[in-house]
Amino acid sequence: MDIPDLPARSETNSVAAAEEIHKVVPNAAPITYINLDLTSFDSITQAVKDFHDHSESFHILVSNAGIMATPAGVTEEGYEIHFGTNHLGHALLTKLLLPTLKKTAAASSPPREVRIVNGASSAKASSPASDTYKFDKLKTDMASTSTVTRYGISKMANIHHARALSRRHPEIRSISLHPGVVNTNLTNGVVA
């Protein structure tokens, strides 16, 4: 049986989420915590190595972790914090897991049993209509750009990424979706 992984920056939060899952589904498989900080390419690379230490297949990758309305800042690699966390972190994670996802897809029946789900948002409408990806700006904190616009750019990138994955890897079902408004800590940075 495959053991599901629950990557997170915080082991405490991951364990709490796993306990909630087991309350709802008492017979659920044990869940493995993997440390993952999407603001760090080194952390992402290590998380994939940790995953491969105990698993050779991967059926569903849900890339929905993210930040919103966060003060201006940059990732370890110097990318604008929303774009780096919400898009580049997930894109690197997907790229590093893609060989395993493709291998799992080749062995799956029915076809396209393997899925990549990118969390998107209707906030994509807040991204600029043209020149959305000005990488010279995205490699700064973009402090003069509103947090809503910076978040929108990251969500538009998630949508484009899923679309590109779907075209390039038809053996894997790749989609993006707006999960709706849910009760999370995502809006903690928004002033009421």
N, C-alpha and C. Protein backbone atom coordinates (compact mmCIF):
# COMPACT_ATOMS: atom_id res chain seq x y z
N MET A 1 0.85 -1.18 0.00
CA MET A 1 0.00 0.00 0.00
C MET A 1 0.89 1.24 0.00
N ASP A 2 0.51 2.23 -0.81
CA ASP A 2 1.23 3.49 -0.80
C ASP A 2 0.89 4.27 0.46
N ILE A 3 1.89 4.93 1.00
CA ILE A 3 1.70 5.75 2.19
C ILE A 3 1.63 7.21 1.75
N PRO A 4 0.54 7.90 2.06
CA PRO A 4 0.44 9.30 1.65
C PRO A 4 1.41 10.18 2.43
N ASP A 5 1.89 11.21 1.75
CA ASP A 5 2.78 12.17 2.36
C ASP A 5 2.04 13.48 2.56
N LEU A 6 2.38 14.19 3.63
CA LEU A 6 1.79 15.49 3.90
C LEU A 6 2.92 16.47 4.16
N PRO A 7 3.48 17.01 3.08
CA PRO A 7 4.58 17.96 3.25
C PRO A 7 4.08 19.29 3.80
N ALA A 8 4.90 19.90 4.65
CA ALA A 8 4.55 21.19 5.25
C ALA A 8 5.81 21.81 5.84
N ARG A 9 5.75 23.13 6.07
CA ARG A 9 6.86 23.80 6.75
C ARG A 9 6.90 23.40 8.22
N SER A 10 5.75 23.10 8.78
CA SER A 10 5.64 22.83 10.21
C SER A 10 5.20 21.39 10.46
N GLU A 11 6.03 20.64 11.16
CA GLU A 11 5.65 19.27 11.51
C GLU A 11 4.41 19.27 12.40
N THR A 12 4.32 20.25 13.29
CA THR A 12 3.15 20.35 14.18
C THR A 12 1.87 20.47 13.37
N ASN A 13 1.87 21.35 12.37
CA ASN A 13 0.67 21.53 11.54
C ASN A 13 0.38 20.29 10.71
N SER A 14 1.41 19.64 10.21
CA SER A 14 1.23 18.43 9.41
C SER A 14 0.62 17.31 10.25
N VAL A 15 1.16 17.14 11.45
CA VAL A 15 0.65 16.09 12.35
C VAL A 15 -0.81 16.39 12.73
N ALA A 16 -1.11 17.66 13.01
CA ALA A 16 -2.49 18.05 13.35
C ALA A 16 -3.43 17.75 12.19
N ALA A 17 -3.00 18.05 10.97
CA ALA A 17 -3.83 17.76 9.79
C ALA A 17 -4.04 16.26 9.63
N ALA A 18 -2.98 15.48 9.84
CA ALA A 18 -3.09 14.03 9.74
C ALA A 18 -4.07 13.49 10.78
N GLU A 19 -4.03 14.04 12.00
CA GLU A 19 -4.96 13.61 13.04
C GLU A 19 -6.41 13.93 12.65
N GLU A 20 -6.63 15.10 12.05
CA GLU A 20 -7.97 15.46 11.58
C GLU A 20 -8.45 14.49 10.51
N ILE A 21 -7.56 14.14 9.60
CA ILE A 21 -7.92 13.18 8.54
C ILE A 21 -8.31 11.85 9.16
N HIS A 22 -7.54 11.40 10.15
CA HIS A 22 -7.83 10.11 10.78
C HIS A 22 -9.10 10.13 11.63
N LYS A 23 -9.51 11.31 12.10
CA LYS A 23 -10.79 11.41 12.80
C LYS A 23 -11.94 11.17 11.82
N VAL A 24 -11.81 11.74 10.63
CA VAL A 24 -12.86 11.62 9.62
C VAL A 24 -12.81 10.26 8.94
N VAL A 25 -11.60 9.76 8.71
CA VAL A 25 -11.40 8.46 8.05
C VAL A 25 -10.53 7.60 8.96
N PRO A 26 -11.13 6.95 9.95
CA PRO A 26 -10.35 6.22 10.95
C PRO A 26 -9.44 5.14 10.38
N ASN A 27 -9.81 4.53 9.27
CA ASN A 27 -9.00 3.46 8.69
C ASN A 27 -8.04 3.96 7.62
N ALA A 28 -7.83 5.26 7.55
CA ALA A 28 -6.92 5.82 6.55
C ALA A 28 -5.50 5.33 6.81
N ALA A 29 -4.75 5.24 5.74
CA ALA A 29 -3.35 4.82 5.85
C ALA A 29 -2.58 5.83 6.70
N PRO A 30 -1.49 5.38 7.32
CA PRO A 30 -0.66 6.33 8.05
C PRO A 30 -0.15 7.41 7.09
N ILE A 31 0.07 8.60 7.61
CA ILE A 31 0.51 9.72 6.79
C ILE A 31 1.91 10.12 7.22
N THR A 32 2.79 10.28 6.25
CA THR A 32 4.19 10.63 6.51
C THR A 32 4.39 12.13 6.38
N TYR A 33 5.05 12.73 7.37
CA TYR A 33 5.40 14.15 7.30
C TYR A 33 6.71 14.30 6.54
N ILE A 34 6.73 15.27 5.63
CA ILE A 34 7.97 15.64 4.93
C ILE A 34 8.12 17.15 5.07
N ASN A 35 9.27 17.59 5.56
CA ASN A 35 9.54 19.01 5.70
C ASN A 35 9.66 19.64 4.32
N LEU A 36 8.90 20.71 4.08
CA LEU A 36 8.92 21.38 2.78
C LEU A 36 8.65 22.86 2.96
N ASP A 37 9.60 23.68 2.56
CA ASP A 37 9.45 25.13 2.57
C ASP A 37 9.53 25.59 1.12
N LEU A 38 8.41 26.03 0.57
CA LEU A 38 8.34 26.40 -0.84
C LEU A 38 9.10 27.68 -1.17
N THR A 39 9.62 28.38 -0.16
CA THR A 39 10.43 29.57 -0.43
C THR A 39 11.90 29.22 -0.62
N SER A 40 12.23 27.94 -0.57
CA SER A 40 13.63 27.51 -0.65
C SER A 40 13.78 26.35 -1.63
N PHE A 41 14.54 26.58 -2.70
CA PHE A 41 14.79 25.50 -3.66
C PHE A 41 15.53 24.35 -2.99
N ASP A 42 16.43 24.64 -2.04
CA ASP A 42 17.14 23.58 -1.33
C ASP A 42 16.16 22.71 -0.54
N SER A 43 15.20 23.34 0.13
CA SER A 43 14.21 22.59 0.90
C SER A 43 13.35 21.71 -0.01
N ILE A 44 12.98 22.24 -1.17
CA ILE A 44 12.17 21.49 -2.13
C ILE A 44 12.94 20.27 -2.63
N THR A 45 14.20 20.49 -2.98
CA THR A 45 15.05 19.39 -3.46
C THR A 45 15.19 18.31 -2.39
N GLN A 46 15.40 18.72 -1.14
CA GLN A 46 15.53 17.76 -0.04
C GLN A 46 14.22 17.02 0.20
N ALA A 47 13.09 17.71 0.09
CA ALA A 47 11.79 17.06 0.29
C ALA A 47 11.57 15.96 -0.74
N VAL A 48 11.97 16.20 -1.98
CA VAL A 48 11.82 15.17 -3.02
C VAL A 48 12.74 14.00 -2.71
N LYS A 49 13.95 14.26 -2.24
CA LYS A 49 14.85 13.16 -1.84
C LYS A 49 14.23 12.37 -0.69
N ASP A 50 13.67 13.08 0.29
CA ASP A 50 13.03 12.40 1.42
C ASP A 50 11.86 11.53 0.94
N PHE A 51 11.09 12.03 0.00
CA PHE A 51 9.99 11.25 -0.57
C PHE A 51 10.52 9.98 -1.21
N HIS A 52 11.57 10.12 -2.02
CA HIS A 52 12.11 8.96 -2.74
C HIS A 52 12.77 7.95 -1.80
N ASP A 53 13.08 8.35 -0.57
CA ASP A 53 13.63 7.41 0.41
C ASP A 53 12.63 6.31 0.77
N HIS A 54 11.33 6.58 0.61
CA HIS A 54 10.34 5.58 1.02
C HIS A 54 9.29 5.26 -0.05
N SER A 55 9.38 5.87 -1.21
CA SER A 55 8.35 5.61 -2.21
C SER A 55 8.91 5.65 -3.62
N GLU A 56 8.33 4.82 -4.48
CA GLU A 56 8.75 4.78 -5.88
C GLU A 56 7.63 5.18 -6.83
N SER A 57 6.45 5.49 -6.28
CA SER A 57 5.33 5.90 -7.13
C SER A 57 4.68 7.14 -6.54
N PHE A 58 3.97 7.84 -7.40
CA PHE A 58 3.30 9.08 -6.98
C PHE A 58 2.06 9.22 -7.85
N HIS A 59 0.89 9.21 -7.24
CA HIS A 59 -0.36 9.22 -8.00
C HIS A 59 -1.02 10.59 -8.12
N ILE A 60 -0.98 11.37 -7.06
CA ILE A 60 -1.65 12.67 -7.08
C ILE A 60 -0.76 13.71 -6.40
N LEU A 61 -0.45 14.76 -7.14
CA LEU A 61 0.29 15.90 -6.59
C LEU A 61 -0.67 17.08 -6.54
N VAL A 62 -0.99 17.52 -5.34
CA VAL A 62 -1.85 18.69 -5.16
C VAL A 62 -0.97 19.83 -4.70
N SER A 63 -0.82 20.82 -5.56
CA SER A 63 0.02 21.99 -5.25
C SER A 63 -0.90 23.15 -4.89
N ASN A 64 -1.24 23.23 -3.61
CA ASN A 64 -2.20 24.24 -3.18
C ASN A 64 -1.70 25.07 -2.01
N ALA A 65 -0.49 24.83 -1.55
CA ALA A 65 0.05 25.65 -0.46
C ALA A 65 0.31 27.04 -1.01
N GLY A 66 0.20 28.03 -0.18
CA GLY A 66 0.49 29.36 -0.69
C GLY A 66 0.34 30.45 0.35
N ILE A 67 0.66 31.65 -0.10
CA ILE A 67 0.56 32.84 0.73
C ILE A 67 -0.22 33.90 -0.04
N MET A 68 -0.77 34.86 0.71
CA MET A 68 -1.51 35.95 0.08
C MET A 68 -1.40 37.17 0.98
N ALA A 69 -1.35 38.35 0.37
CA ALA A 69 -1.31 39.61 1.11
C ALA A 69 -0.15 39.65 2.09
N THR A 70 0.95 39.07 1.69
CA THR A 70 2.15 39.05 2.51
C THR A 70 2.96 40.31 2.23
N PRO A 71 3.56 40.91 3.25
CA PRO A 71 4.40 42.09 3.00
C PRO A 71 5.49 41.79 1.98
N ALA A 72 5.97 42.84 1.33
CA ALA A 72 7.01 42.69 0.31
C ALA A 72 8.19 41.91 0.88
N GLY A 73 8.70 41.00 0.08
CA GLY A 73 9.84 40.18 0.48
C GLY A 73 10.24 39.30 -0.68
N VAL A 74 11.29 38.53 -0.46
CA VAL A 74 11.78 37.63 -1.50
C VAL A 74 12.05 36.25 -0.91
N THR A 75 12.09 35.27 -1.79
CA THR A 75 12.44 33.90 -1.41
C THR A 75 13.95 33.81 -1.21
N GLU A 76 14.44 32.65 -0.79
CA GLU A 76 15.88 32.45 -0.63
C GLU A 76 16.63 32.73 -1.92
N GLU A 77 15.99 32.47 -3.05
CA GLU A 77 16.64 32.67 -4.35
C GLU A 77 16.43 34.08 -4.89
N GLY A 78 15.71 34.93 -4.15
CA GLY A 78 15.55 36.32 -4.54
C GLY A 78 14.32 36.64 -5.37
N TYR A 79 13.37 35.71 -5.48
CA TYR A 79 12.15 35.98 -6.24
C TYR A 79 11.09 36.61 -5.34
N GLU A 80 10.23 37.43 -5.94
CA GLU A 80 9.12 38.03 -5.20
C GLU A 80 8.41 36.93 -4.43
N ILE A 81 8.09 37.19 -3.17
CA ILE A 81 7.65 36.15 -2.23
C ILE A 81 6.39 35.41 -2.69
N HIS A 82 5.39 36.10 -3.25
CA HIS A 82 4.18 35.41 -3.72
C HIS A 82 4.49 34.52 -4.92
N PHE A 83 5.18 35.08 -5.92
CA PHE A 83 5.51 34.33 -7.13
C PHE A 83 6.43 33.16 -6.80
N GLY A 84 7.42 33.41 -5.96
CA GLY A 84 8.37 32.35 -5.60
C GLY A 84 7.72 31.22 -4.83
N THR A 85 6.87 31.56 -3.87
CA THR A 85 6.22 30.55 -3.03
C THR A 85 5.09 29.85 -3.77
N ASN A 86 4.16 30.64 -4.30
CA ASN A 86 2.94 30.09 -4.89
C ASN A 86 3.16 29.43 -6.24
N HIS A 87 4.15 29.90 -7.00
CA HIS A 87 4.36 29.30 -8.32
C HIS A 87 5.70 28.59 -8.46
N LEU A 88 6.81 29.31 -8.31
CA LEU A 88 8.11 28.68 -8.58
C LEU A 88 8.37 27.49 -7.67
N GLY A 89 7.98 27.59 -6.40
CA GLY A 89 8.17 26.46 -5.49
C GLY A 89 7.43 25.22 -5.96
N HIS A 90 6.16 25.41 -6.35
CA HIS A 90 5.37 24.29 -6.86
C HIS A 90 5.91 23.79 -8.19
N ALA A 91 6.33 24.71 -9.05
CA ALA A 91 6.85 24.31 -10.37
C ALA A 91 8.11 23.46 -10.22
N LEU A 92 9.00 23.85 -9.31
CA LEU A 92 10.21 23.05 -9.09
C LEU A 92 9.85 21.70 -8.48
N LEU A 93 8.96 21.69 -7.51
CA LEU A 93 8.52 20.42 -6.91
C LEU A 93 7.96 19.49 -7.99
N THR A 94 7.12 20.03 -8.86
CA THR A 94 6.54 19.24 -9.95
C THR A 94 7.63 18.72 -10.88
N LYS A 95 8.55 19.60 -11.26
CA LYS A 95 9.63 19.19 -12.17
C LYS A 95 10.45 18.05 -11.58
N LEU A 96 10.76 18.14 -10.30
CA LEU A 96 11.58 17.10 -9.66
C LEU A 96 10.82 15.79 -9.48
N LEU A 97 9.50 15.87 -9.34
CA LEU A 97 8.68 14.66 -9.18
C LEU A 97 8.18 14.11 -10.51
N LEU A 98 8.34 14.86 -11.59
CA LEU A 98 7.80 14.45 -12.89
C LEU A 98 8.28 13.08 -13.36
N PRO A 99 9.56 12.73 -13.22
CA PRO A 99 9.96 11.37 -13.65
C PRO A 99 9.18 10.28 -12.90
N THR A 100 8.95 10.47 -11.61
CA THR A 100 8.20 9.49 -10.82
C THR A 100 6.73 9.50 -11.22
N LEU A 101 6.16 10.67 -11.44
CA LEU A 101 4.77 10.76 -11.89
C LEU A 101 4.59 10.07 -13.24
N LYS A 102 5.53 10.28 -14.16
CA LYS A 102 5.44 9.66 -15.49
C LYS A 102 5.59 8.15 -15.40
N LYS A 103 6.49 7.69 -14.55
CA LYS A 103 6.68 6.25 -14.37
C LYS A 103 5.40 5.63 -13.78
N THR A 104 4.81 6.31 -12.81
CA THR A 104 3.56 5.83 -12.22
C THR A 104 2.44 5.81 -13.25
N ALA A 105 2.38 6.86 -14.07
CA ALA A 105 1.34 6.93 -15.12
C ALA A 105 1.49 5.79 -16.12
N ALA A 106 2.73 5.47 -16.48
CA ALA A 106 2.97 4.40 -17.46
C ALA A 106 2.49 3.05 -16.92
N ALA A 107 2.54 2.89 -15.61
CA ALA A 107 2.13 1.62 -15.00
C ALA A 107 0.67 1.62 -14.55
N SER A 108 -0.03 2.75 -14.71
CA SER A 108 -1.39 2.85 -14.16
C SER A 108 -2.44 2.36 -15.14
N SER A 109 -3.52 1.88 -14.56
CA SER A 109 -4.67 1.47 -15.34
C SER A 109 -5.89 1.86 -14.51
N PRO A 110 -6.81 2.60 -15.03
CA PRO A 110 -6.90 3.10 -16.39
C PRO A 110 -5.87 4.20 -16.66
N PRO A 111 -5.71 4.53 -17.96
CA PRO A 111 -4.77 5.60 -18.31
C PRO A 111 -5.15 6.92 -17.64
N ARG A 112 -4.20 7.78 -17.48
CA ARG A 112 -4.35 9.10 -16.86
C ARG A 112 -4.84 9.00 -15.42
N GLU A 113 -4.46 7.92 -14.75
CA GLU A 113 -4.78 7.75 -13.35
C GLU A 113 -3.98 8.72 -12.48
N VAL A 114 -2.86 9.18 -12.97
CA VAL A 114 -1.98 10.10 -12.24
C VAL A 114 -2.44 11.53 -12.52
N ARG A 115 -2.43 12.34 -11.44
CA ARG A 115 -2.94 13.71 -11.58
C ARG A 115 -2.01 14.73 -10.93
N ILE A 116 -1.99 15.91 -11.54
CA ILE A 116 -1.34 17.09 -10.95
C ILE A 116 -2.43 18.15 -10.86
N VAL A 117 -2.65 18.65 -9.65
CA VAL A 117 -3.67 19.66 -9.42
C VAL A 117 -2.98 20.91 -8.88
N ASN A 118 -3.05 21.99 -9.63
CA ASN A 118 -2.49 23.27 -9.19
C ASN A 118 -3.60 24.14 -8.63
N GLY A 119 -3.44 24.56 -7.39
CA GLY A 119 -4.39 25.49 -6.81
C GLY A 119 -4.27 26.83 -7.51
N ALA A 120 -5.37 27.33 -8.01
CA ALA A 120 -5.39 28.62 -8.68
C ALA A 120 -6.33 29.53 -7.89
N SER A 121 -6.79 30.58 -8.50
CA SER A 121 -7.69 31.49 -7.81
C SER A 121 -8.33 32.43 -8.82
N SER A 122 -9.54 32.84 -8.51
CA SER A 122 -10.17 33.86 -9.35
C SER A 122 -9.39 35.17 -9.26
N ALA A 123 -8.49 35.28 -8.29
CA ALA A 123 -7.63 36.46 -8.16
C ALA A 123 -6.66 36.59 -9.33
N LYS A 124 -6.61 35.58 -10.18
CA LYS A 124 -5.78 35.69 -11.39
C LYS A 124 -6.17 36.92 -12.19
N ALA A 125 -7.42 37.33 -12.05
CA ALA A 125 -7.91 38.52 -12.76
C ALA A 125 -7.19 39.79 -12.30
N SER A 126 -6.51 39.73 -11.18
CA SER A 126 -5.76 40.88 -10.67
C SER A 126 -4.37 40.99 -11.28
N SER A 127 -3.97 40.00 -12.08
CA SER A 127 -2.65 40.08 -12.70
C SER A 127 -2.72 41.04 -13.89
N PRO A 128 -1.60 41.64 -14.25
CA PRO A 128 -1.61 42.60 -15.37
C PRO A 128 -2.08 41.93 -16.66
N ALA A 129 -2.79 42.68 -17.49
CA ALA A 129 -3.31 42.15 -18.75
C ALA A 129 -2.19 41.86 -19.75
N SER A 130 -1.10 42.60 -19.65
CA SER A 130 0.04 42.35 -20.54
C SER A 130 1.31 42.37 -19.70
N ASP A 131 2.33 41.77 -20.22
CA ASP A 131 3.63 41.71 -19.51
C ASP A 131 3.49 41.14 -18.10
N THR A 132 2.69 40.08 -17.98
CA THR A 132 2.47 39.48 -16.67
C THR A 132 3.77 39.01 -16.04
N TYR A 133 4.63 38.42 -16.84
CA TYR A 133 5.85 37.81 -16.29
C TYR A 133 7.08 38.63 -16.66
N LYS A 134 7.26 39.72 -16.02
CA LYS A 134 8.48 40.53 -16.20
C LYS A 134 9.50 40.00 -15.19
N PHE A 135 10.34 39.08 -15.64
CA PHE A 135 11.23 38.40 -14.71
C PHE A 135 12.24 39.32 -14.06
N ASP A 136 12.57 40.44 -14.73
CA ASP A 136 13.46 41.38 -14.06
C ASP A 136 12.78 41.98 -12.83
N LYS A 137 11.46 42.15 -12.87
CA LYS A 137 10.72 42.63 -11.70
C LYS A 137 10.46 41.50 -10.72
N LEU A 138 10.16 40.31 -11.24
CA LEU A 138 9.86 39.18 -10.36
C LEU A 138 11.08 38.74 -9.56
N LYS A 139 12.25 39.20 -9.94
CA LYS A 139 13.48 38.88 -9.20
C LYS A 139 13.78 40.00 -8.19
N THR A 140 12.73 40.75 -7.79
CA THR A 140 12.81 41.78 -6.76
C THR A 140 11.65 41.57 -5.80
N ASP A 141 11.54 42.42 -4.78
CA ASP A 141 10.41 42.28 -3.86
C ASP A 141 9.13 42.94 -4.39
N MET A 142 9.21 43.67 -5.50
CA MET A 142 8.06 44.32 -6.13
C MET A 142 7.24 45.13 -5.12
N ALA A 143 7.93 45.79 -4.20
CA ALA A 143 7.26 46.53 -3.12
C ALA A 143 6.30 47.59 -3.63
N SER A 144 6.54 48.14 -4.81
CA SER A 144 5.65 49.18 -5.34
C SER A 144 4.40 48.61 -6.01
N THR A 145 4.30 47.29 -6.09
CA THR A 145 3.14 46.62 -6.69
C THR A 145 2.25 46.10 -5.56
N SER A 146 0.94 46.25 -5.71
CA SER A 146 0.03 45.82 -4.64
C SER A 146 0.14 44.32 -4.39
N THR A 147 -0.16 43.93 -3.16
CA THR A 147 -0.12 42.50 -2.82
C THR A 147 -1.15 41.72 -3.63
N VAL A 148 -2.29 42.34 -3.94
CA VAL A 148 -3.33 41.67 -4.73
C VAL A 148 -2.80 41.36 -6.12
N THR A 149 -2.10 42.31 -6.73
CA THR A 149 -1.53 42.09 -8.06
C THR A 149 -0.45 41.02 -8.01
N ARG A 150 0.42 41.08 -7.00
CA ARG A 150 1.49 40.08 -6.88
C ARG A 150 0.90 38.68 -6.70
N TYR A 151 -0.14 38.57 -5.88
CA TYR A 151 -0.81 37.29 -5.69
C TYR A 151 -1.46 36.83 -7.01
N GLY A 152 -2.11 37.75 -7.71
CA GLY A 152 -2.75 37.42 -8.98
C GLY A 152 -1.77 36.89 -10.01
N ILE A 153 -0.58 37.49 -10.07
CA ILE A 153 0.46 37.01 -10.98
C ILE A 153 0.82 35.56 -10.65
N SER A 154 0.97 35.26 -9.37
CA SER A 154 1.35 33.90 -8.98
C SER A 154 0.26 32.90 -9.34
N LYS A 155 -1.00 33.29 -9.21
CA LYS A 155 -2.10 32.38 -9.53
C LYS A 155 -2.26 32.21 -11.04
N MET A 156 -2.03 33.27 -11.81
CA MET A 156 -2.05 33.15 -13.27
C MET A 156 -0.95 32.18 -13.71
N ALA A 157 0.20 32.27 -13.08
CA ALA A 157 1.30 31.36 -13.41
C ALA A 157 0.92 29.91 -13.12
N ASN A 158 0.19 29.66 -12.02
CA ASN A 158 -0.27 28.30 -11.71
C ASN A 158 -1.16 27.75 -12.82
N ILE A 159 -2.03 28.60 -13.35
CA ILE A 159 -2.93 28.19 -14.42
C ILE A 159 -2.14 27.87 -15.69
N HIS A 160 -1.23 28.76 -16.06
CA HIS A 160 -0.42 28.52 -17.26
C HIS A 160 0.45 27.28 -17.10
N HIS A 161 0.95 27.05 -15.90
CA HIS A 161 1.79 25.88 -15.64
C HIS A 161 0.98 24.59 -15.85
N ALA A 162 -0.23 24.53 -15.29
CA ALA A 162 -1.07 23.33 -15.45
C ALA A 162 -1.39 23.10 -16.92
N ARG A 163 -1.68 24.17 -17.63
CA ARG A 163 -1.99 24.05 -19.06
C ARG A 163 -0.79 23.50 -19.83
N ALA A 164 0.40 24.02 -19.53
CA ALA A 164 1.62 23.54 -20.21
C ALA A 164 1.89 22.08 -19.86
N LEU A 165 1.71 21.70 -18.60
CA LEU A 165 1.91 20.31 -18.20
C LEU A 165 0.96 19.39 -18.96
N SER A 166 -0.29 19.82 -19.09
CA SER A 166 -1.29 19.01 -19.79
C SER A 166 -0.91 18.78 -21.25
N ARG A 167 -0.39 19.81 -21.90
CA ARG A 167 0.03 19.68 -23.30
C ARG A 167 1.28 18.82 -23.43
N ARG A 168 2.25 19.03 -22.55
CA ARG A 168 3.54 18.34 -22.68
C ARG A 168 3.51 16.90 -22.18
N HIS A 169 2.61 16.61 -21.25
CA HIS A 169 2.57 15.28 -20.63
C HIS A 169 1.12 14.78 -20.61
N PRO A 170 0.58 14.41 -21.78
CA PRO A 170 -0.83 14.01 -21.84
C PRO A 170 -1.14 12.74 -21.05
N GLU A 171 -0.12 11.98 -20.71
CA GLU A 171 -0.35 10.76 -19.92
C GLU A 171 -0.70 11.07 -18.47
N ILE A 172 -0.53 12.33 -18.07
CA ILE A 172 -0.86 12.78 -16.72
C ILE A 172 -1.98 13.82 -16.84
N ARG A 173 -3.02 13.67 -16.06
CA ARG A 173 -4.11 14.65 -16.07
C ARG A 173 -3.66 15.83 -15.20
N SER A 174 -3.43 16.97 -15.83
CA SER A 174 -2.98 18.18 -15.13
C SER A 174 -4.04 19.26 -15.24
N ILE A 175 -4.46 19.77 -14.09
CA ILE A 175 -5.50 20.80 -14.07
C ILE A 175 -5.14 21.89 -13.06
N SER A 176 -5.80 23.02 -13.20
CA SER A 176 -5.76 24.05 -12.17
C SER A 176 -7.19 24.28 -11.73
N LEU A 177 -7.36 24.71 -10.49
CA LEU A 177 -8.72 24.95 -10.02
C LEU A 177 -8.73 26.03 -8.96
N HIS A 178 -9.84 26.73 -8.91
CA HIS A 178 -10.08 27.71 -7.85
C HIS A 178 -10.86 26.96 -6.77
N PRO A 179 -10.28 26.77 -5.59
CA PRO A 179 -10.95 25.95 -4.57
C PRO A 179 -12.14 26.63 -3.91
N GLY A 180 -12.37 27.88 -4.21
CA GLY A 180 -13.43 28.62 -3.54
C GLY A 180 -12.88 29.27 -2.29
N VAL A 181 -13.74 29.91 -1.57
CA VAL A 181 -13.33 30.57 -0.33
C VAL A 181 -13.46 29.56 0.80
N VAL A 182 -12.35 29.27 1.43
CA VAL A 182 -12.34 28.27 2.50
C VAL A 182 -11.69 28.87 3.73
N ASN A 183 -11.93 28.27 4.87
CA ASN A 183 -11.41 28.77 6.13
C ASN A 183 -9.96 28.31 6.31
N THR A 184 -9.02 29.20 5.98
CA THR A 184 -7.60 28.93 6.17
C THR A 184 -6.95 30.17 6.75
N ASN A 185 -5.65 30.08 6.99
CA ASN A 185 -4.89 31.24 7.47
C ASN A 185 -4.38 32.09 6.31
N LEU A 186 -4.81 31.81 5.10
CA LEU A 186 -4.30 32.49 3.92
C LEU A 186 -4.45 34.00 3.99
N THR A 187 -5.54 34.47 4.57
CA THR A 187 -5.80 35.91 4.57
C THR A 187 -5.32 36.61 5.83
N ASN A 188 -4.48 35.98 6.61
CA ASN A 188 -4.00 36.60 7.84
C ASN A 188 -3.32 37.94 7.60
N GLY A 189 -2.71 38.13 6.42
CA GLY A 189 -2.03 39.38 6.12
C GLY A 189 -2.95 40.48 5.65
N VAL A 190 -4.23 40.18 5.47
CA VAL A 190 -5.19 41.18 4.98
C VAL A 190 -5.71 41.98 6.17
N VAL A 191 -5.67 43.29 6.06
CA VAL A 191 -6.18 44.15 7.12
C VAL A 191 -7.69 44.22 7.01
N ALA A 192 -8.38 43.98 8.11
CA ALA A 192 -9.85 43.99 8.10
C ALA A 192 -10.39 45.40 8.14
